Amino acid sequence: MTKSGENAGHGRIKGVLFDKDGTLFDYHGTWGPILSEVAAALAGERISLVPEMLASIGYRAETGRFEAGSIAAAGDTFALADAWRAILGIRDREGLVARLDGYFAELGPERSIPVTDLRAYFRAMKGRGLTLGIATNDVAASAAGTILRFGISDYIDFAAGYDSGHGAKPGPGMALAFCAASGLAPADIAVVGDNMHDLEMGRGAGAGLLVGVLTGTSAAADLAPLADHVIADITLLPALLDQSKSR
């Protein structure tokens, strides 16, 4: 799906900033099991609380999926911790955040299910002369571990998590930091993500191209209000960039 928008098709994209979960990795296949396991670990003997914990962050039992824009889909660890503190009766917010980030840094790289062969994909994207980055509302340690596990360190020029000092999405900080690190103007970058928070980050930073993908929690209709293009997955991005150049 393509939208004739202010940013669409100008053909000068020099860098691409990708969201991580739901964009590079299948969201439901990766994070459904992880969040269920972490909720059970925190609940301990109060295992009956797990359904309520998952529902509080956007899980819908009737569909087996997390809702678009929910805490699980778009929030950071602080938002998740606040939702679960209320249910578990935990007062120590910082302690719970640290515990959650520890789980995610361990389980994220180990359990992530890529949407394609990421090493081959990023090698090809780098071969186009593009500057490449990853911006996630996950903890930075999880992003770093995932980059290492999938062998894409040589191709990634920038990576940031919610705790990297640039702020969390939907704020523009991570996109602006990518531009600062790469020397690119915001108008020269594309932001690719599965959630409105990703696109809002890109719009706030003034990114030249906003691309939504359908490998996460959002439907095309969810992304259409902000996205210049909505594609099935990242494997279609090279053709989209070629199409933009030809206009």
Protein backbone atom coordinates (compact mmCIF):
# COMPACT_ATOMS: atom_id res chain seq x y z
CA MET A 1 0.00 0.00 0.00
CA THR A 2 1.35 3.40 -0.99
CA LYS A 3 0.21 6.83 0.07
CA SER A 4 0.94 10.00 -1.85
CA GLY A 5 2.31 11.99 1.03
CA GLU A 6 4.66 14.83 1.71
CA ASN A 7 7.60 12.50 2.24
CA ALA A 8 6.81 9.76 -0.24
CA GLY A 9 9.06 8.87 -3.13
CA HIS A 10 11.67 11.61 -3.11
CA GLY A 11 14.44 9.13 -3.86
CA ARG A 12 17.19 10.42 -1.60
CA ILE A 13 17.19 7.89 1.21
CA LYS A 14 20.71 7.32 2.54
CA GLY A 15 19.96 5.61 5.83
CA VAL A 16 17.36 3.27 7.28
CA LEU A 17 16.42 3.06 10.95
CA PHE A 18 14.60 -0.16 11.79
CA ASP A 19 12.45 -1.01 14.76
CA LYS A 20 13.42 -4.39 16.22
CA ASP A 21 10.50 -6.47 17.48
CA GLY A 22 7.67 -6.83 15.00
CA THR A 23 9.90 -5.51 12.22
CA LEU A 24 13.08 -7.59 12.14
CA PHE A 25 11.50 -10.31 14.27
CA ASP A 26 8.03 -11.82 14.30
CA TYR A 27 6.40 -10.13 17.26
CA HIS A 28 3.84 -12.68 18.38
CA GLY A 29 6.06 -15.71 17.86
CA THR A 30 8.87 -14.09 19.81
CA TRP A 31 7.32 -12.04 22.57
CA GLY A 32 4.13 -13.96 23.29
CA PRO A 33 6.09 -16.85 24.82
CA ILE A 34 8.68 -14.58 26.47
CA LEU A 35 6.13 -12.36 28.20
CA SER A 36 4.09 -15.38 29.32
CA GLU A 37 7.21 -16.96 30.82
CA VAL A 38 8.30 -13.77 32.56
CA ALA A 39 4.81 -13.15 33.95
CA ALA A 40 4.75 -16.67 35.37
CA ALA A 41 8.19 -16.21 36.93
CA LEU A 42 7.11 -13.00 38.64
CA ALA A 43 3.77 -14.38 39.78
CA GLY A 44 5.43 -17.40 41.40
CA GLU A 45 2.90 -19.31 43.44
CA ARG A 46 0.20 -16.81 42.42
CA ILE A 47 0.08 -18.30 38.93
CA SER A 48 -3.62 -17.43 38.63
CA LEU A 49 -2.56 -13.79 38.20
CA VAL A 50 -0.80 -14.45 34.88
CA PRO A 51 -3.88 -13.99 32.64
CA GLU A 52 -4.61 -10.65 34.31
CA MET A 53 -0.97 -9.59 33.96
CA LEU A 54 -0.94 -10.38 30.25
CA ALA A 55 -4.30 -8.71 29.67
CA SER A 56 -3.03 -5.55 31.38
CA ILE A 57 -0.32 -5.15 28.73
CA GLY A 58 -2.56 -5.81 25.75
CA TYR A 59 -2.89 -9.58 25.35
CA ARG A 60 -6.27 -10.77 24.12
CA ALA A 61 -6.94 -14.41 24.91
CA GLU A 62 -9.66 -14.65 22.27
CA THR A 63 -7.18 -13.87 19.48
CA GLY A 64 -3.96 -15.08 21.09
CA ARG A 65 -2.34 -11.78 20.11
CA PHE A 66 -1.26 -8.49 21.61
CA GLU A 67 -3.16 -5.41 20.50
CA ALA A 68 -1.59 -2.71 18.36
CA GLY A 69 -0.45 0.23 20.46
CA SER A 70 -0.60 -1.75 23.70
CA ILE A 71 2.04 -1.66 26.42
CA ALA A 72 3.50 -4.93 25.19
CA ALA A 73 3.55 -3.77 21.58
CA ALA A 74 4.82 -0.24 22.00
CA GLY A 75 5.72 0.53 25.61
CA ASP A 76 9.04 0.42 27.40
CA THR A 77 9.96 -1.56 30.51
CA PHE A 78 8.76 1.18 32.85
CA ALA A 79 5.25 1.03 31.38
CA LEU A 80 5.26 -2.75 31.65
CA ALA A 81 6.53 -2.63 35.22
CA ASP A 82 3.84 -0.14 36.24
CA ALA A 83 1.09 -2.36 34.83
CA TRP A 84 2.37 -5.42 36.65
CA ARG A 85 3.25 -3.66 39.92
CA ALA A 86 -0.40 -2.81 40.39
CA ILE A 87 -1.40 -6.47 40.05
CA LEU A 88 1.49 -8.02 41.99
CA GLY A 89 1.56 -5.41 44.75
CA ILE A 90 5.24 -4.59 44.17
CA ARG A 91 6.37 -1.20 45.49
CA ASP A 92 9.93 -1.16 44.18
CA ARG A 93 9.53 0.16 40.65
CA GLU A 94 13.24 0.43 39.87
CA GLY A 95 13.87 -3.06 41.19
CA LEU A 96 11.13 -4.54 39.03
CA VAL A 97 12.39 -2.67 35.96
CA ALA A 98 15.88 -4.05 36.54
CA ARG A 99 14.52 -7.56 36.95
CA LEU A 100 12.43 -7.31 33.80
CA ASP A 101 15.33 -5.91 31.78
CA GLY A 102 17.45 -8.80 33.00
CA TYR A 103 14.90 -11.29 31.71
CA PHE A 104 14.60 -9.49 28.38
CA ALA A 105 18.36 -9.18 27.88
CA GLU A 106 18.65 -12.93 28.38
CA LEU A 107 15.54 -14.22 26.62
CA GLY A 108 15.23 -11.71 23.78
CA PRO A 109 18.35 -12.69 21.83
CA GLU A 110 17.79 -16.37 22.58
CA ARG A 111 14.14 -16.58 21.53
CA SER A 112 13.82 -14.02 18.71
CA ILE A 113 12.36 -15.37 15.47
CA PRO A 114 13.66 -13.39 12.46
CA VAL A 115 11.33 -12.54 9.59
CA THR A 116 14.10 -13.37 7.10
CA ASP A 117 17.80 -14.28 6.97
CA LEU A 118 18.96 -11.11 8.67
CA ARG A 119 22.65 -11.54 7.97
CA ALA A 120 22.03 -11.86 4.23
CA TYR A 121 19.45 -9.08 4.33
CA PHE A 122 21.64 -6.55 6.08
CA ARG A 123 24.64 -7.48 3.96
CA ALA A 124 22.60 -6.68 0.87
CA MET A 125 21.26 -3.45 2.35
CA LYS A 126 24.76 -2.37 3.32
CA GLY A 127 25.85 -3.16 -0.23
CA ARG A 128 23.47 -0.44 -1.38
CA GLY A 129 25.57 2.09 0.49
CA LEU A 130 22.97 2.64 3.18
CA THR A 131 23.66 3.58 6.78
CA LEU A 132 21.69 1.17 8.96
CA GLY A 133 20.39 1.41 12.50
CA ILE A 134 18.06 -0.22 15.00
CA ALA A 135 15.87 1.67 17.48
CA THR A 136 13.84 -0.28 20.02
CA ASN A 137 11.80 0.31 23.15
CA ASP A 138 13.42 -2.85 24.47
CA VAL A 139 16.43 -2.58 26.77
CA ALA A 140 19.68 -1.78 24.92
CA ALA A 141 21.38 -4.91 26.24
CA SER A 142 18.74 -7.06 24.57
CA ALA A 143 19.24 -5.23 21.28
CA ALA A 144 23.01 -5.64 21.50
CA GLY A 145 22.72 -9.33 22.30
CA THR A 146 20.31 -9.87 19.43
CA ILE A 147 22.59 -8.08 16.95
CA LEU A 148 25.46 -10.28 18.10
CA ARG A 149 23.48 -13.52 18.01
CA PHE A 150 22.28 -13.00 14.45
CA GLY A 151 25.69 -11.98 13.15
CA ILE A 152 24.77 -8.53 11.90
CA SER A 153 27.19 -6.41 13.94
CA ASP A 154 29.29 -5.60 10.87
CA TYR A 155 26.30 -4.05 9.12
CA ILE A 156 24.66 -2.06 11.91
CA ASP A 157 26.01 1.46 12.36
CA PHE A 158 23.76 2.46 15.24
CA ALA A 159 21.62 0.73 17.86
CA ALA A 160 19.62 2.20 20.73
CA GLY A 161 17.16 1.02 23.34
CA TYR A 162 14.81 2.96 25.59
CA ASP A 163 17.63 3.22 28.16
CA SER A 164 20.36 4.49 25.81
CA GLY A 165 19.85 8.11 26.80
CA HIS A 166 17.82 9.26 23.79
CA GLY A 167 14.38 8.71 25.28
CA ALA A 168 11.77 6.13 24.32
CA LYS A 169 9.40 6.06 21.38
CA PRO A 170 7.21 7.79 20.34
CA GLY A 171 9.66 10.58 21.10
CA PRO A 172 12.06 11.46 18.25
CA GLY A 173 15.26 11.06 20.26
CA MET A 174 16.51 7.75 18.88
CA ALA A 175 15.93 8.83 15.28
CA LEU A 176 17.69 12.14 15.88
CA ALA A 177 20.57 10.30 17.56
CA PHE A 178 20.85 8.03 14.50
CA CYS A 179 21.09 11.12 12.31
CA ALA A 180 23.69 12.71 14.59
CA ALA A 181 25.78 9.54 14.67
CA SER A 182 25.65 9.05 10.90
CA GLY A 183 25.88 12.66 9.79
CA LEU A 184 22.67 12.31 7.80
CA ALA A 185 19.87 14.84 7.72
CA PRO A 186 16.52 13.56 8.99
CA ALA A 187 15.05 14.02 5.51
CA ASP A 188 17.61 11.51 4.21
CA ILE A 189 16.50 8.61 6.41
CA ALA A 190 13.67 6.10 6.33
CA VAL A 191 12.09 4.80 9.53
CA VAL A 192 10.64 1.29 9.31
CA GLY A 193 8.39 -0.18 12.00
CA ASP A 194 5.32 -2.19 12.85
CA ASN A 195 3.71 0.25 15.26
CA MET A 196 2.46 3.83 15.31
CA HIS A 197 5.09 4.63 17.96
CA ASP A 198 7.78 3.89 15.37
CA LEU A 199 6.16 6.13 12.79
CA GLU A 200 5.51 8.88 15.34
CA MET A 201 9.20 8.79 16.24
CA GLY A 202 10.07 9.19 12.58
CA ARG A 203 7.60 11.97 11.98
CA GLY A 204 8.75 13.84 15.06
CA ALA A 205 12.35 13.65 13.86
CA GLY A 206 11.42 14.78 10.35
CA ALA A 207 12.35 11.50 8.66
CA GLY A 208 12.08 11.53 4.90
CA LEU A 209 10.20 8.25 4.58
CA LEU A 210 7.93 6.36 6.97
CA VAL A 211 7.35 2.68 6.20
CA GLY A 212 5.02 0.37 8.10
CA VAL A 213 5.36 -3.42 8.12
CA LEU A 214 2.81 -6.09 8.98
CA THR A 215 4.99 -8.55 10.91
CA GLY A 216 4.06 -7.07 14.26
CA THR A 217 0.91 -6.07 16.09
CA SER A 218 -0.58 -3.56 13.64
CA ALA A 219 -2.82 -3.95 10.61
CA ALA A 220 -2.39 -1.81 7.51
CA ALA A 221 -5.32 0.35 8.60
CA ASP A 222 -3.57 1.09 11.90
CA LEU A 223 -0.43 2.32 10.15
CA ALA A 224 -1.99 4.12 7.19
CA PRO A 225 -2.57 7.48 8.91
CA LEU A 226 1.18 8.07 9.25
CA ALA A 227 2.95 5.67 6.89
CA ASP A 228 4.02 6.77 3.42
CA HIS A 229 3.99 3.08 2.52
CA VAL A 230 2.80 -0.11 4.21
CA ILE A 231 4.49 -3.34 3.11
CA ALA A 232 4.12 -6.94 4.20
CA ASP A 233 7.65 -7.22 5.61
CA ILE A 234 11.15 -5.80 5.33
CA THR A 235 12.08 -8.01 2.38
CA LEU A 236 9.99 -5.68 0.20
CA LEU A 237 11.87 -2.57 1.32
CA PRO A 238 14.68 -2.74 -1.30
CA ALA A 239 12.13 -2.74 -4.13
CA LEU A 240 10.30 0.14 -2.48
CA LEU A 241 13.50 2.17 -2.27
CA ASP A 242 14.23 1.40 -5.92
CA GLN A 243 10.72 2.48 -6.84
CA SER A 244 11.20 5.73 -4.94
CA LYS A 245 14.43 6.46 -6.80
CA SER A 246 12.72 6.07 -10.15
CA ARG A 247 10.11 8.73 -9.43
